Amino acid sequence: MAARQCPNCMAIIPAGKIASFSNDLVCTGCGHPLGISAFSRYISAFTGLGVGALVWKIASDHYAGNPGSINWLLPIVYAYLALSVVAPIVLILLADLHLREAETPPAIHEAPAHHPSH
């Protein structure tokens, strides 16, 4: 089965929905709730962390010889931006979908009435 394909109706889920609604994903074809496998999430997270670490190392080496008031912060910002871009892209490319049971909303419990103390 291809990545981003519903296992129930074999419809291809748009990439934007995978990135935007990864926790509340619903098939566009059959309307069944879908989940993304833990393996796909782990691969995307670790790939993003790896690229972020690589970007941090390259930026740290670049700014090491340039003393400045903000040069220590720029490698961290670049690494965060790299992680924020790479992880969703990898998740879009490798998302392995599975059927998820429809969650029932939690029951509303009434709070006990206030009992005045005697």
Protein backbone atom coordinates (compact mmCIF):
# COMPACT_ATOMS: atom_id res chain seq x y z
CA MET A 1 0.00 0.00 0.00
CA ALA A 2 1.26 3.46 -0.87
CA ALA A 3 1.99 6.13 1.71
CA ARG A 4 -0.96 8.45 2.48
CA GLN A 5 -3.49 5.87 1.26
CA CYS A 6 -6.61 5.00 3.28
CA PRO A 7 -6.59 1.27 4.11
CA ASN A 8 -10.41 1.20 4.01
CA CYS A 9 -11.26 2.75 0.61
CA MET A 10 -7.77 3.15 -0.93
CA ALA A 11 -8.26 6.90 -1.42
CA ILE A 12 -5.12 9.05 -1.39
CA ILE A 13 -5.15 11.55 1.49
CA PRO A 14 -3.89 15.03 0.51
CA ALA A 15 -0.47 15.97 1.86
CA GLY A 16 -1.77 19.13 3.50
CA LYS A 17 -4.25 17.15 5.61
CA ILE A 18 -1.47 14.82 6.81
CA ALA A 19 0.60 17.77 8.03
CA SER A 20 -2.29 19.83 9.41
CA PHE A 21 -4.55 17.22 10.99
CA SER A 22 -2.15 14.42 11.92
CA ASN A 23 -3.96 13.74 15.23
CA ASP A 24 -7.54 14.19 13.95
CA LEU A 25 -7.22 12.77 10.45
CA VAL A 26 -10.38 11.67 8.62
CA CYS A 27 -10.44 9.99 5.20
CA THR A 28 -11.74 12.24 2.43
CA GLY A 29 -13.26 9.27 0.61
CA CYS A 30 -15.07 7.18 3.24
CA GLY A 31 -15.01 9.50 6.26
CA HIS A 32 -13.39 6.90 8.52
CA PRO A 33 -11.02 8.20 11.23
CA LEU A 34 -7.39 7.45 10.43
CA GLY A 35 -4.22 7.38 12.47
CA ILE A 36 -0.58 7.72 11.49
CA SER A 37 1.65 4.86 12.56
CA ALA A 38 4.10 5.45 15.37
CA PHE A 39 6.96 4.30 13.15
CA SER A 40 6.23 7.07 10.62
CA ARG A 41 6.09 9.65 13.41
CA TYR A 42 9.38 8.43 14.91
CA ILE A 43 11.18 8.45 11.56
CA SER A 44 10.02 12.00 10.82
CA ALA A 45 10.94 13.26 14.30
CA PHE A 46 14.41 11.70 14.33
CA THR A 47 15.11 12.86 10.77
CA GLY A 48 14.12 16.39 11.76
CA LEU A 49 16.32 16.23 14.86
CA GLY A 50 19.24 14.92 12.82
CA VAL A 51 18.94 17.67 10.22
CA GLY A 52 18.51 20.25 13.00
CA ALA A 53 21.70 19.02 14.69
CA LEU A 54 23.58 19.14 11.40
CA VAL A 55 22.38 22.69 10.70
CA TRP A 56 23.30 23.73 14.25
CA LYS A 57 26.83 22.31 13.83
CA ILE A 58 27.36 24.04 10.49
CA ALA A 59 25.99 27.36 11.77
CA SER A 60 28.02 27.12 15.00
CA ASP A 61 31.21 26.58 13.03
CA HIS A 62 30.35 29.52 10.79
CA TYR A 63 29.66 31.95 13.64
CA ALA A 64 32.46 30.72 15.93
CA GLY A 65 35.01 33.21 14.58
CA ASN A 66 32.59 36.13 14.52
CA PRO A 67 32.10 37.55 17.99
CA GLY A 68 28.81 39.31 18.38
CA SER A 69 25.96 39.79 20.74
CA ILE A 70 23.52 37.51 18.92
CA ASN A 71 25.81 35.07 17.11
CA TRP A 72 25.32 32.41 19.81
CA LEU A 73 21.56 32.43 19.16
CA LEU A 74 21.52 32.16 15.37
CA PRO A 75 22.61 28.48 15.19
CA ILE A 76 19.77 27.57 17.57
CA VAL A 77 17.23 29.49 15.49
CA TYR A 78 18.46 27.89 12.25
CA ALA A 79 18.33 24.42 13.81
CA TYR A 80 14.79 25.00 15.05
CA LEU A 81 13.68 26.20 11.63
CA ALA A 82 15.30 23.19 9.95
CA LEU A 83 13.53 20.81 12.35
CA SER A 84 10.23 22.62 11.78
CA VAL A 85 10.49 22.23 8.02
CA VAL A 86 12.06 18.78 7.65
CA ALA A 87 9.93 16.79 10.13
CA PRO A 88 6.54 17.59 8.49
CA ILE A 89 7.93 17.00 5.00
CA VAL A 90 9.25 13.56 5.99
CA LEU A 91 5.94 12.78 7.70
CA ILE A 92 4.05 13.75 4.53
CA LEU A 93 6.25 11.50 2.41
CA LEU A 94 6.26 8.46 4.73
CA ALA A 95 2.87 8.60 6.48
CA ASP A 96 1.62 5.04 6.93
CA LEU A 97 -2.09 5.28 7.75
CA HIS A 98 -4.16 2.83 9.75
CA LEU A 99 -7.82 2.70 10.73
CA ARG A 100 -8.59 4.23 14.09
CA GLU A 101 -11.64 3.57 16.19
CA ALA A 102 -13.98 6.52 16.50
CA GLU A 103 -13.48 8.03 19.92
CA THR A 104 -16.54 8.55 22.02
CA PRO A 105 -16.74 11.91 23.73
CA PRO A 106 -16.18 11.73 27.48
CA ALA A 107 -19.30 11.49 29.56
CA ILE A 108 -20.22 14.67 31.37
CA HIS A 109 -20.39 14.05 35.09
CA GLU A 110 -22.43 16.36 37.22
CA ALA A 111 -20.58 17.82 40.16
CA PRO A 112 -22.22 16.95 43.46
CA ALA A 113 -24.36 19.68 44.91
CA HIS A 114 -22.73 21.81 47.55
CA HIS A 115 -23.64 20.61 51.03
CA PRO A 116 -23.61 23.36 53.61
CA SER A 117 -21.72 22.49 56.75
CA HIS A 118 -23.76 22.34 59.95
